Amino acid sequence: MGSSGDSLHLTTPLVKSYVLSLKNDFPVYLKLENIQVPGSFKIRGIGNMCVESLKLKPNAPCFVCSSGGNAGLAASYAGMLLNKPVHVFVPTSTPEFVLQQFKLYPASHVHVHGEVWNEANEKAQEFCKSVGGIFIPPYDHPLIWTGHSTLIDEAVDQLGRDIVPSCIVVSVGGGGLLMGVLEGIKRHPAWKKVPVLAMETEGADCLAQSIKNNKIVRLNSITSAAKSLGALEPCYALWKCLESGEGNVISEVVSDDQAIMACRQIMQDHRYVVETACGAALSAVYGDTVRSLNERKAIDVSSGPVIVVVCGGVSVQSFL
């Protein structure tokens, strides 16, 4: 396990969960993004954007990011490795235990501004322009999607090129991870028709609401406990991708309780501690979602294993 070339992320294991395979009566594999150094898959995309942006602007004084958690920590870790300061703008709602984690990375300078992420993001962009820095968005950029897509390249090699999964399960917030997965699938013709199960929680389900209304829907607020899924609307590129019929995406929504129960179960079964946003994806195999889709013939679990992206996350609530 390690990184390759100038990438900043780890090559993570793809492991068979014997507990979940036995429970579901079909093979379930876990792509363990929770073991990335900053705590989540975000370092794949954020790291790639930092590396590639510096090639174009090597004398930039700093990186600037707006995030209440995972993206900001990934940027801080990337800045440390690349020897560049990182200014992270977070809203006042960011938990203290998350703020403490930024102290692990000497490159990070945390600015608390605004009650919600949108206000912190506006301030971050203003600051970035004033200092001539490189702005790193949390999820909405092609370089970020390309970075995330590498987890599919790894999974293809790890699973074996003669094995094709019956579906890939991901949690969805603004859609950066989903865009990366779809990009990665396009590079591997044998995986072209693999369904991607996009899991959201009630109250953070901007993608499901958009699909239901056949247009991009902007939520008024995030009422889910899965705050890391807290994009008010899906990124425009993802919506255009779905409109064009690119990729086989199945949208499903679960309750906070279902996501939290999945977090508890993976902690008990595998000793992994992940946040509620990650529990959305895990609930597809700890609950009935995948089995129900199989019964409805939306997917065919007899065709190959189910891969769940364990996205990780640092906002682990104490009640888990």
C-alpha atoms as a PDB file:
ATOM      1  CA  MET A   1       0.000   0.000   0.000  1.00  0.00           C
ATOM      2  CA  GLY A   2       1.366   3.418  -0.893  1.00  0.00           C
ATOM      3  CA  SER A   3       1.260   6.265  -3.339  1.00  0.00           C
ATOM      4  CA  SER A   4       2.649   6.338  -6.852  1.00  0.00           C
ATOM      5  CA  GLY A   5       4.278   9.031  -8.981  1.00  0.00           C
ATOM      6  CA  ASP A   6       3.485  12.525  -7.729  1.00  0.00           C
ATOM      7  CA  SER A   7       0.118  11.551  -6.258  1.00  0.00           C
ATOM      8  CA  LEU A   8      -0.475  12.410  -2.610  1.00  0.00           C
ATOM      9  CA  HIS A   9      -3.003   9.696  -1.811  1.00  0.00           C
ATOM     10  CA  LEU A  10      -2.527   6.113  -0.723  1.00  0.00           C
ATOM     11  CA  THR A  11      -3.471   3.112  -2.813  1.00  0.00           C
ATOM     12  CA  THR A  12      -6.145   1.701  -0.529  1.00  0.00           C
ATOM     13  CA  PRO A  13      -7.139  -1.950  -0.072  1.00  0.00           C
ATOM     14  CA  LEU A  14     -10.186  -3.525  -1.644  1.00  0.00           C
ATOM     15  CA  VAL A  15     -11.176  -6.171   0.876  1.00  0.00           C
ATOM     16  CA  LYS A  16     -13.933  -8.742   0.928  1.00  0.00           C
ATOM     17  CA  SER A  17     -16.260  -8.336   3.889  1.00  0.00           C
ATOM     18  CA  TYR A  18     -17.106 -11.843   4.999  1.00  0.00           C
ATOM     19  CA  VAL A  19     -19.656 -10.470   7.470  1.00  0.00           C
ATOM     20  CA  LEU A  20     -21.540  -8.509   4.806  1.00  0.00           C
ATOM     21  CA  SER A  21     -21.137 -11.234   2.183  1.00  0.00           C
ATOM     22  CA  LEU A  22     -22.690 -13.775   4.547  1.00  0.00           C
ATOM     23  CA  LYS A  23     -25.454 -11.376   5.579  1.00  0.00           C
ATOM     24  CA  ASN A  24     -26.454 -10.591   1.994  1.00  0.00           C
ATOM     25  CA  ASP A  25     -25.720 -13.936   0.349  1.00  0.00           C
ATOM     26  CA  PHE A  26     -23.609 -12.229  -2.321  1.00  0.00           C
ATOM     27  CA  PRO A  27     -19.990 -11.020  -2.228  1.00  0.00           C
ATOM     28  CA  VAL A  28     -19.442  -7.520  -0.826  1.00  0.00           C
ATOM     29  CA  TYR A  29     -16.102  -5.737  -1.157  1.00  0.00           C
ATOM     30  CA  LEU A  30     -15.083  -2.589   0.718  1.00  0.00           C
ATOM     31  CA  LYS A  31     -12.817   0.050  -0.868  1.00  0.00           C
ATOM     32  CA  LEU A  32     -11.176   1.448   2.263  1.00  0.00           C
ATOM     33  CA  GLU A  33     -10.817   5.169   1.659  1.00  0.00           C
ATOM     34  CA  ASN A  34     -11.207   5.703   5.394  1.00  0.00           C
ATOM     35  CA  ILE A  35      -7.513   4.853   5.851  1.00  0.00           C
ATOM     36  CA  GLN A  36      -6.256   7.775   3.751  1.00  0.00           C
ATOM     37  CA  VAL A  37      -3.986   9.919   5.933  1.00  0.00           C
ATOM     38  CA  PRO A  38      -6.351  12.934   6.172  1.00  0.00           C
ATOM     39  CA  GLY A  39      -9.238  10.555   6.888  1.00  0.00           C
ATOM     40  CA  SER A  40     -11.204  10.366   3.651  1.00  0.00           C
ATOM     41  CA  PHE A  41     -11.212   9.896  -0.127  1.00  0.00           C
ATOM     42  CA  LYS A  42     -11.009  13.677  -0.519  1.00  0.00           C
ATOM     43  CA  ILE A  43      -7.204  13.605  -0.716  1.00  0.00           C
ATOM     44  CA  ARG A  44      -7.417  11.871  -4.098  1.00  0.00           C
ATOM     45  CA  GLY A  45      -9.138  14.794  -5.798  1.00  0.00           C
ATOM     46  CA  ILE A  46      -7.857  17.642  -3.643  1.00  0.00           C
ATOM     47  CA  GLY A  47      -4.314  16.279  -3.863  1.00  0.00           C
ATOM     48  CA  ASN A  48      -4.496  15.958  -7.633  1.00  0.00           C
ATOM     49  CA  MET A  49      -5.770  19.515  -8.026  1.00  0.00           C
ATOM     50  CA  CYS A  50      -3.050  20.902  -5.754  1.00  0.00           C
ATOM     51  CA  VAL A  51      -0.298  19.072  -7.647  1.00  0.00           C
ATOM     52  CA  GLU A  52      -1.586  19.979 -11.118  1.00  0.00           C
ATOM     53  CA  SER A  53      -2.382  23.599 -10.194  1.00  0.00           C
ATOM     54  CA  LEU A  54       1.126  24.153  -8.885  1.00  0.00           C
ATOM     55  CA  LYS A  55       2.540  22.998 -12.214  1.00  0.00           C
ATOM     56  CA  LEU A  56       0.648  25.878 -13.861  1.00  0.00           C
ATOM     57  CA  LYS A  57       1.279  28.400 -11.086  1.00  0.00           C
ATOM     58  CA  PRO A  58       4.450  27.303  -9.264  1.00  0.00           C
ATOM     59  CA  ASN A  59       5.008  30.664  -7.560  1.00  0.00           C
ATOM     60  CA  ALA A  60       1.537  30.878  -6.043  1.00  0.00           C
ATOM     61  CA  PRO A  61       1.874  31.953  -2.406  1.00  0.00           C
ATOM     62  CA  CYS A  62      -0.720  29.551  -1.010  1.00  0.00           C
ATOM     63  CA  PHE A  63      -3.733  27.337  -1.462  1.00  0.00           C
ATOM     64  CA  VAL A  64      -7.150  28.537  -0.300  1.00  0.00           C
ATOM     65  CA  CYS A  65      -9.999  26.164   0.513  1.00  0.00           C
ATOM     66  CA  SER A  66     -13.465  26.440   2.018  1.00  0.00           C
ATOM     67  CA  SER A  67     -14.549  23.435   4.019  1.00  0.00           C
ATOM     68  CA  GLY A  68     -15.958  22.489   7.374  1.00  0.00           C
ATOM     69  CA  GLY A  69     -13.970  19.284   7.485  1.00  0.00           C
ATOM     70  CA  ASN A  70     -12.782  16.633   5.062  1.00  0.00           C
ATOM     71  CA  ALA A  71     -11.839  18.768   2.046  1.00  0.00           C
ATOM     72  CA  GLY A  72     -10.051  21.315   4.219  1.00  0.00           C
ATOM     73  CA  LEU A  73      -8.065  18.621   5.990  1.00  0.00           C
ATOM     74  CA  ALA A  74      -7.141  17.053   2.651  1.00  0.00           C
ATOM     75  CA  ALA A  75      -5.957  20.448   1.377  1.00  0.00           C
ATOM     76  CA  SER A  76      -3.979  21.016   4.586  1.00  0.00           C
ATOM     77  CA  TYR A  77      -2.265  17.648   4.223  1.00  0.00           C
ATOM     78  CA  ALA A  78      -1.522  18.347   0.548  1.00  0.00           C
ATOM     79  CA  GLY A  79      -0.103  21.759   1.399  1.00  0.00           C
ATOM     80  CA  MET A  80       2.162  20.221   4.010  1.00  0.00           C
ATOM     81  CA  LEU A  81       3.545  17.700   1.497  1.00  0.00           C
ATOM     82  CA  LEU A  82       3.948  20.380  -1.186  1.00  0.00           C
ATOM     83  CA  ASN A  83       5.416  22.945   1.217  1.00  0.00           C
ATOM     84  CA  LYS A  84       2.701  25.518   0.572  1.00  0.00           C
ATOM     85  CA  PRO A  85       0.571  27.331   3.171  1.00  0.00           C
ATOM     86  CA  VAL A  86      -3.134  26.508   3.109  1.00  0.00           C
ATOM     87  CA  HIS A  87      -5.788  28.967   4.238  1.00  0.00           C
ATOM     88  CA  VAL A  88      -8.969  27.081   5.153  1.00  0.00           C
ATOM     89  CA  PHE A  89     -12.211  28.982   5.666  1.00  0.00           C
ATOM     90  CA  VAL A  90     -14.791  27.209   7.816  1.00  0.00           C
ATOM     91  CA  PRO A  91     -18.212  28.240   9.150  1.00  0.00           C
ATOM     92  CA  THR A  92     -18.892  28.763  12.845  1.00  0.00           C
ATOM     93  CA  SER A  93     -20.865  25.497  12.849  1.00  0.00           C
ATOM     94  CA  THR A  94     -17.638  23.483  12.444  1.00  0.00           C
ATOM     95  CA  PRO A  95     -17.230  21.281  15.562  1.00  0.00           C
ATOM     96  CA  GLU A  96     -14.293  22.052  17.837  1.00  0.00           C
ATOM     97  CA  PHE A  97     -12.962  18.496  17.603  1.00  0.00           C
ATOM     98  CA  VAL A  98     -12.713  18.921  13.819  1.00  0.00           C
ATOM     99  CA  LEU A  99     -10.923  22.268  14.173  1.00  0.00           C
ATOM    100  CA  GLN A 100      -8.398  20.591  16.442  1.00  0.00           C
ATOM    101  CA  GLN A 101      -7.452  18.179  13.660  1.00  0.00           C
ATOM    102  CA  PHE A 102      -6.170  21.017  11.488  1.00  0.00           C
ATOM    103  CA  LYS A 103      -3.369  21.469  14.029  1.00  0.00           C
ATOM    104  CA  LEU A 104      -1.893  18.186  12.788  1.00  0.00           C
ATOM    105  CA  TYR A 105      -0.809  19.940   9.602  1.00  0.00           C
ATOM    106  CA  PRO A 106       1.585  22.894  10.066  1.00  0.00           C
ATOM    107  CA  ALA A 107       0.701  24.300   6.645  1.00  0.00           C
ATOM    108  CA  SER A 108      -2.902  25.064   7.613  1.00  0.00           C
ATOM    109  CA  HIS A 109      -4.259  28.426   8.705  1.00  0.00           C
ATOM    110  CA  VAL A 110      -7.893  28.224   9.741  1.00  0.00           C
ATOM    111  CA  HIS A 111     -10.272  31.174   9.349  1.00  0.00           C
ATOM    112  CA  VAL A 112     -13.734  30.934  10.927  1.00  0.00           C
ATOM    113  CA  HIS A 113     -16.304  32.966   9.018  1.00  0.00           C
ATOM    114  CA  GLY A 114     -20.073  32.854   8.539  1.00  0.00           C
ATOM    115  CA  GLU A 115     -22.761  30.600   9.887  1.00  0.00           C
ATOM    116  CA  VAL A 116     -22.912  28.284   6.870  1.00  0.00           C
ATOM    117  CA  TRP A 117     -20.454  26.945   4.296  1.00  0.00           C
ATOM    118  CA  ASN A 118     -21.702  29.260   1.534  1.00  0.00           C
ATOM    119  CA  GLU A 119     -20.656  32.319   3.560  1.00  0.00           C
ATOM    120  CA  ALA A 120     -17.263  30.803   4.366  1.00  0.00           C
ATOM    121  CA  ASN A 121     -16.825  29.961   0.680  1.00  0.00           C
ATOM    122  CA  GLU A 122     -17.528  33.523  -0.442  1.00  0.00           C
ATOM    123  CA  LYS A 123     -14.979  34.855   2.039  1.00  0.00           C
ATOM    124  CA  ALA A 124     -12.423  32.259   0.907  1.00  0.00           C
ATOM    125  CA  GLN A 125     -12.781  33.313  -2.728  1.00  0.00           C
ATOM    126  CA  GLU A 126     -12.393  36.973  -1.806  1.00  0.00           C
ATOM    127  CA  PHE A 127      -9.252  36.202   0.180  1.00  0.00           C
ATOM    128  CA  CYS A 128      -7.809  34.048  -2.591  1.00  0.00           C
ATOM    129  CA  LYS A 129      -8.161  36.835  -5.152  1.00  0.00           C
ATOM    130  CA  SER A 130      -6.583  39.359  -2.800  1.00  0.00           C
ATOM    131  CA  VAL A 131      -3.432  37.267  -2.247  1.00  0.00           C
ATOM    132  CA  GLY A 132      -3.144  35.625  -5.667  1.00  0.00           C
ATOM    133  CA  GLY A 133      -3.514  32.127  -4.268  1.00  0.00           C
ATOM    134  CA  ILE A 134      -4.807  28.904  -5.809  1.00  0.00           C
ATOM    135  CA  PHE A 135      -8.438  28.248  -4.935  1.00  0.00           C
ATOM    136  CA  ILE A 136      -9.292  24.611  -4.172  1.00  0.00           C
ATOM    137  CA  PRO A 137     -13.049  23.914  -4.171  1.00  0.00           C
ATOM    138  CA  PRO A 138     -14.325  21.010  -2.063  1.00  0.00           C
ATOM    139  CA  TYR A 139     -15.720  18.952  -4.958  1.00  0.00           C
ATOM    140  CA  ASP A 140     -16.673  20.872  -8.091  1.00  0.00           C
ATOM    141  CA  HIS A 141     -13.676  20.781 -10.464  1.00  0.00           C
ATOM    142  CA  PRO A 142     -12.508  18.385 -13.225  1.00  0.00           C
ATOM    143  CA  LEU A 143      -9.066  17.943 -11.618  1.00  0.00           C
ATOM    144  CA  ILE A 144     -10.782  16.807  -8.437  1.00  0.00           C
ATOM    145  CA  TRP A 145     -12.937  14.304 -10.309  1.00  0.00           C
ATOM    146  CA  THR A 146      -9.891  12.941 -12.103  1.00  0.00           C
ATOM    147  CA  GLY A 147      -8.178  12.422  -8.765  1.00  0.00           C
ATOM    148  CA  HIS A 148     -11.175  10.565  -7.383  1.00  0.00           C
ATOM    149  CA  SER A 149     -11.357   8.409 -10.506  1.00  0.00           C
ATOM    150  CA  THR A 150      -8.113   6.675  -9.534  1.00  0.00           C
ATOM    151  CA  LEU A 151      -9.965   4.576  -6.973  1.00  0.00           C
ATOM    152  CA  ILE A 152     -11.712   2.828  -9.877  1.00  0.00           C
ATOM    153  CA  ASP A 153      -8.384   2.154 -11.614  1.00  0.00           C
ATOM    154  CA  GLU A 154      -7.163   0.547  -8.391  1.00  0.00           C
ATOM    155  CA  ALA A 155     -10.348  -1.474  -7.935  1.00  0.00           C
ATOM    156  CA  VAL A 156     -10.096  -2.875 -11.463  1.00  0.00           C
ATOM    157  CA  ASP A 157      -6.591  -4.166 -10.749  1.00  0.00           C
ATOM    158  CA  GLN A 158      -7.419  -5.368  -7.245  1.00  0.00           C
ATOM    159  CA  LEU A 159     -10.593  -7.201  -8.185  1.00  0.00           C
ATOM    160  CA  GLY A 160      -9.006  -8.785 -11.234  1.00  0.00           C
ATOM    161  CA  ARG A 161      -9.613  -7.706 -14.796  1.00  0.00           C
ATOM    162  CA  ASP A 162     -11.792 -10.743 -15.510  1.00  0.00           C
ATOM    163  CA  ILE A 163     -14.226  -9.806 -12.725  1.00  0.00           C
ATOM    164  CA  VAL A 164     -16.805  -7.052 -13.168  1.00  0.00           C
ATOM    165  CA  PRO A 165     -18.829  -5.805 -10.174  1.00  0.00           C
ATOM    166  CA  SER A 166     -22.601  -5.939 -10.169  1.00  0.00           C
ATOM    167  CA  CYS A 167     -22.691  -2.405  -8.763  1.00  0.00           C
ATOM    168  CA  ILE A 168     -20.600   0.256  -7.037  1.00  0.00           C
ATOM    169  CA  VAL A 169     -22.070   2.031  -4.016  1.00  0.00           C
ATOM    170  CA  VAL A 170     -21.085   5.609  -3.106  1.00  0.00           C
ATOM    171  CA  SER A 171     -22.330   8.330  -0.804  1.00  0.00           C
ATOM    172  CA  VAL A 172     -23.292  11.539  -2.608  1.00  0.00           C
ATOM    173  CA  GLY A 173     -23.102  15.136  -1.409  1.00  0.00           C
ATOM    174  CA  GLY A 174     -22.322  17.626  -4.154  1.00  0.00           C
ATOM    175  CA  GLY A 175     -21.308  14.864  -6.527  1.00  0.00           C
ATOM    176  CA  GLY A 176     -17.509  15.035  -6.687  1.00  0.00           C
ATOM    177  CA  LEU A 177     -16.953  11.400  -5.743  1.00  0.00           C
ATOM    178  CA  LEU A 178     -19.722  10.240  -8.064  1.00  0.00           C
ATOM    179  CA  MET A 179     -18.226  12.236 -10.947  1.00  0.00           C
ATOM    180  CA  GLY A 180     -14.870  10.605 -10.270  1.00  0.00           C
ATOM    181  CA  VAL A 181     -16.360   7.117 -10.200  1.00  0.00           C
ATOM    182  CA  LEU A 182     -18.158   7.719 -13.500  1.00  0.00           C
ATOM    183  CA  GLU A 183     -14.940   9.048 -15.057  1.00  0.00           C
ATOM    184  CA  GLY A 184     -13.001   6.031 -13.848  1.00  0.00           C
ATOM    185  CA  ILE A 185     -15.596   3.613 -15.203  1.00  0.00           C
ATOM    186  CA  LYS A 186     -15.329   5.202 -18.661  1.00  0.00           C
ATOM    187  CA  ARG A 187     -11.646   4.225 -18.819  1.00  0.00           C
ATOM    188  CA  HIS A 188     -12.500   0.526 -18.439  1.00  0.00           C
ATOM    189  CA  PRO A 189     -14.821  -0.748 -21.202  1.00  0.00           C
ATOM    190  CA  ALA A 190     -15.722  -3.955 -19.338  1.00  0.00           C
ATOM    191  CA  TRP A 191     -17.148  -1.822 -16.504  1.00  0.00           C
ATOM    192  CA  LYS A 192     -19.047   0.554 -18.787  1.00  0.00           C
ATOM    193  CA  LYS A 193     -22.512  -0.732 -17.850  1.00  0.00           C
ATOM    194  CA  VAL A 194     -21.865  -1.207 -14.130  1.00  0.00           C
ATOM    195  CA  PRO A 195     -24.623   0.538 -12.126  1.00  0.00           C
ATOM    196  CA  VAL A 196     -23.494   3.144  -9.604  1.00  0.00           C
ATOM    197  CA  LEU A 197     -25.739   3.334  -6.565  1.00  0.00           C
ATOM    198  CA  ALA A 198     -25.808   6.948  -5.338  1.00  0.00           C
ATOM    199  CA  MET A 199     -26.794   7.019  -1.668  1.00  0.00           C
ATOM    200  CA  GLU A 200     -28.055  10.110   0.173  1.00  0.00           C
ATOM    201  CA  THR A 201     -29.751  10.764   3.485  1.00  0.00           C
ATOM    202  CA  GLU A 202     -33.106  12.455   3.936  1.00  0.00           C
ATOM    203  CA  GLY A 203     -32.527  16.167   4.387  1.00  0.00           C
ATOM    204  CA  ALA A 204     -29.309  16.107   2.325  1.00  0.00           C
ATOM    205  CA  ASP A 205     -30.805  14.559  -0.806  1.00  0.00           C
ATOM    206  CA  CYS A 206     -30.255  17.264  -3.419  1.00  0.00           C
ATOM    207  CA  LEU A 207     -29.505  14.726  -6.178  1.00  0.00           C
ATOM    208  CA  ALA A 208     -32.600  12.618  -5.520  1.00  0.00           C
ATOM    209  CA  GLN A 209     -34.776  15.740  -5.383  1.00  0.00           C
ATOM    210  CA  SER A 210     -33.270  16.966  -8.653  1.00  0.00           C
ATOM    211  CA  ILE A 211     -33.913  13.632 -10.375  1.00  0.00           C
ATOM    212  CA  LYS A 212     -37.478  13.586  -9.034  1.00  0.00           C
ATOM    213  CA  ASN A 213     -38.181  17.093 -10.370  1.00  0.00           C
ATOM    214  CA  ASN A 214     -36.177  16.662 -13.589  1.00  0.00           C
ATOM    215  CA  LYS A 215     -34.148  19.810 -12.863  1.00  0.00           C
ATOM    216  CA  ILE A 216     -31.456  20.935 -10.454  1.00  0.00           C
ATOM    217  CA  VAL A 217     -33.094  21.478  -7.080  1.00  0.00           C
ATOM    218  CA  ARG A 218     -31.473  23.673  -4.467  1.00  0.00           C
ATOM    219  CA  LEU A 219     -32.370  22.645  -0.936  1.00  0.00           C
ATOM    220  CA  ASN A 220     -33.357  25.383   1.488  1.00  0.00           C
ATOM    221  CA  SER A 221     -31.178  23.884   4.221  1.00  0.00           C
ATOM    222  CA  ILE A 222     -29.473  20.674   5.312  1.00  0.00           C
ATOM    223  CA  THR A 223     -31.537  18.930   7.972  1.00  0.00           C
ATOM    224  CA  SER A 224     -29.696  15.601   7.903  1.00  0.00           C
ATOM    225  CA  ALA A 225     -27.149  14.570  10.531  1.00  0.00           C
ATOM    226  CA  ALA A 226     -24.831  13.687   7.627  1.00  0.00           C
ATOM    227  CA  LYS A 227     -23.419  17.207   7.344  1.00  0.00           C
ATOM    228  CA  SER A 228     -20.625  16.106   5.012  1.00  0.00           C
ATOM    229  CA  LEU A 229     -23.325  15.379   2.419  1.00  0.00           C
ATOM    230  CA  GLY A 230     -24.498  18.933   2.942  1.00  0.00           C
ATOM    231  CA  ALA A 231     -24.350  20.396  -0.564  1.00  0.00           C
ATOM    232  CA  LEU A 232     -27.500  22.376  -1.231  1.00  0.00           C
ATOM    233  CA  GLU A 233     -27.471  21.316  -4.879  1.00  0.00           C
ATOM    234  CA  PRO A 234     -25.604  18.802  -7.061  1.00  0.00           C
ATOM    235  CA  CYS A 235     -22.783  20.134  -9.214  1.00  0.00           C
ATOM    236  CA  TYR A 236     -23.892  21.244 -12.667  1.00  0.00           C
ATOM    237  CA  ALA A 237     -21.546  18.869 -14.484  1.00  0.00           C
ATOM    238  CA  LEU A 238     -23.066  15.881 -12.702  1.00  0.00           C
ATOM    239  CA  TRP A 239     -26.565  16.967 -13.636  1.00  0.00           C
ATOM    240  CA  LYS A 240     -25.602  17.401 -17.298  1.00  0.00           C
ATOM    241  CA  CYS A 241     -23.960  13.988 -17.195  1.00  0.00           C
ATOM    242  CA  LEU A 242     -27.164  12.372 -15.921  1.00  0.00           C
ATOM    243  CA  GLU A 243     -29.308  14.326 -18.368  1.00  0.00           C
ATOM    244  CA  SER A 244     -27.263  12.988 -21.259  1.00  0.00           C
ATOM    245  CA  GLY A 245     -27.688   9.421 -20.011  1.00  0.00           C
ATOM    246  CA  GLU A 246     -23.985   9.044 -19.306  1.00  0.00           C
ATOM    247  CA  GLY A 247     -23.420   6.333 -16.743  1.00  0.00           C
ATOM    248  CA  ASN A 248     -25.921   4.041 -15.071  1.00  0.00           C
ATOM    249  CA  VAL A 249     -26.722   5.915 -11.851  1.00  0.00           C
ATOM    250  CA  ILE A 250     -29.379   4.711  -9.418  1.00  0.00           C
ATOM    251  CA  SER A 251     -30.415   7.229  -6.766  1.00  0.00           C
ATOM    252  CA  GLU A 252     -31.555   5.994  -3.343  1.00  0.00           C
ATOM    253  CA  VAL A 253     -32.285   7.838  -0.095  1.00  0.00           C
ATOM    254  CA  VAL A 254     -32.096   6.468   3.451  1.00  0.00           C
ATOM    255  CA  SER A 255     -32.861   7.929   6.854  1.00  0.00           C
ATOM    256  CA  ASP A 256     -30.262   9.270   9.269  1.00  0.00           C
ATOM    257  CA  ASP A 257     -31.076   6.369  11.566  1.00  0.00           C
ATOM    258  CA  GLN A 258     -30.262   3.860   8.823  1.00  0.00           C
ATOM    259  CA  ALA A 259     -26.949   5.591   8.069  1.00  0.00           C
ATOM    260  CA  ILE A 260     -26.011   5.791  11.748  1.00  0.00           C
ATOM    261  CA  MET A 261     -26.877   2.138  12.292  1.00  0.00           C
ATOM    262  CA  ALA A 262     -24.589   1.197   9.413  1.00  0.00           C
ATOM    263  CA  CYS A 263     -21.773   3.201  11.055  1.00  0.00           C
ATOM    264  CA  ARG A 264     -22.318   1.299  14.273  1.00  0.00           C
ATOM    265  CA  GLN A 265     -22.366  -2.010  12.452  1.00  0.00           C
ATOM    266  CA  ILE A 266     -19.116  -1.476  10.546  1.00  0.00           C
ATOM    267  CA  MET A 267     -17.466  -0.413  13.791  1.00  0.00           C
ATOM    268  CA  GLN A 268     -18.632  -3.648  15.386  1.00  0.00           C
ATOM    269  CA  ASP A 269     -17.900  -5.884  12.396  1.00  0.00           C
ATOM    270  CA  HIS A 270     -14.671  -4.361  11.064  1.00  0.00           C
ATOM    271  CA  ARG A 271     -13.423  -1.968  13.757  1.00  0.00           C
ATOM    272  CA  TYR A 272     -13.695   1.004  11.366  1.00  0.00           C
ATOM    273  CA  VAL A 273     -15.004   4.326  12.677  1.00  0.00           C
ATOM    274  CA  VAL A 274     -16.622   6.432   9.955  1.00  0.00           C
ATOM    275  CA  GLU A 275     -18.969   9.394   9.873  1.00  0.00           C
ATOM    276  CA  THR A 276     -22.681   9.390   9.122  1.00  0.00           C
ATOM    277  CA  ALA A 277     -22.150  10.484   5.517  1.00  0.00           C
ATOM    278  CA  CYS A 278     -20.195   7.280   4.918  1.00  0.00           C
ATOM    279  CA  GLY A 279     -22.966   5.355   6.624  1.00  0.00           C
ATOM    280  CA  ALA A 280     -25.297   6.319   3.776  1.00  0.00           C
ATOM    281  CA  ALA A 281     -23.332   4.073   1.400  1.00  0.00           C
ATOM    282  CA  LEU A 282     -22.845   1.327   3.967  1.00  0.00           C
ATOM    283  CA  SER A 283     -26.573   1.250   4.705  1.00  0.00           C
ATOM    284  CA  ALA A 284     -27.138  -0.099   1.180  1.00  0.00           C
ATOM    285  CA  VAL A 285     -25.597  -3.417   2.242  1.00  0.00           C
ATOM    286  CA  TYR A 286     -26.375  -3.331   5.956  1.00  0.00           C
ATOM    287  CA  GLY A 287     -30.008  -2.631   5.064  1.00  0.00           C
ATOM    288  CA  ASP A 288     -32.202  -3.850   2.232  1.00  0.00           C
ATOM    289  CA  THR A 289     -31.381  -1.387  -0.555  1.00  0.00           C
ATOM    290  CA  VAL A 290     -29.164  -3.593  -2.722  1.00  0.00           C
ATOM    291  CA  ARG A 291     -31.298  -6.695  -2.146  1.00  0.00           C
ATOM    292  CA  SER A 292     -34.432  -4.749  -3.067  1.00  0.00           C
ATOM    293  CA  LEU A 293     -32.839  -3.415  -6.263  1.00  0.00           C
ATOM    294  CA  ASN A 294     -31.795  -6.939  -7.140  1.00  0.00           C
ATOM    295  CA  GLU A 295     -35.355  -8.211  -6.650  1.00  0.00           C
ATOM    296  CA  ARG A 296     -36.603  -5.384  -8.891  1.00  0.00           C
ATOM    297  CA  LYS A 297     -33.951  -6.382 -11.465  1.00  0.00           C
ATOM    298  CA  ALA A 298     -32.377  -2.916 -11.359  1.00  0.00           C
ATOM    299  CA  ILE A 299     -29.104  -4.693 -10.615  1.00  0.00           C
ATOM    300  CA  ASP A 300     -28.036  -8.342 -10.832  1.00  0.00           C
ATOM    301  CA  VAL A 301     -25.909  -9.428  -7.874  1.00  0.00           C
ATOM    302  CA  SER A 302     -25.291 -12.796  -9.534  1.00  0.00           C
ATOM    303  CA  SER A 303     -23.174 -11.029 -12.178  1.00  0.00           C
ATOM    304  CA  GLY A 304     -20.405  -9.962  -9.796  1.00  0.00           C
ATOM    305  CA  PRO A 305     -19.560  -8.577  -6.364  1.00  0.00           C
ATOM    306  CA  VAL A 306     -20.888  -5.359  -4.883  1.00  0.00           C
ATOM    307  CA  ILE A 307     -18.219  -2.726  -4.192  1.00  0.00           C
ATOM    308  CA  VAL A 308     -18.913  -0.182  -1.447  1.00  0.00           C
ATOM    309  CA  VAL A 309     -16.683   2.885  -1.299  1.00  0.00           C
ATOM    310  CA  VAL A 310     -16.007   3.436   2.402  1.00  0.00           C
ATOM    311  CA  CYS A 311     -15.370   7.146   1.995  1.00  0.00           C
ATOM    312  CA  GLY A 312     -14.321   7.721   5.599  1.00  0.00           C
ATOM    313  CA  GLY A 313     -14.652  11.192   7.129  1.00  0.00           C
ATOM    314  CA  VAL A 314     -13.491  12.965  10.277  1.00  0.00           C
ATOM    315  CA  SER A 315     -16.821  14.196  11.625  1.00  0.00           C
ATOM    316  CA  VAL A 316     -17.494  11.139  13.728  1.00  0.00           C
ATOM    317  CA  GLN A 317     -20.226  11.925  16.216  1.00  0.00           C
ATOM    318  CA  SER A 318     -19.729  10.928  19.809  1.00  0.00           C
ATOM    319  CA  PHE A 319     -22.973   8.968  19.919  1.00  0.00           C
ATOM    320  CA  LEU A 320     -21.595   6.449  17.428  1.00  0.00           C
END
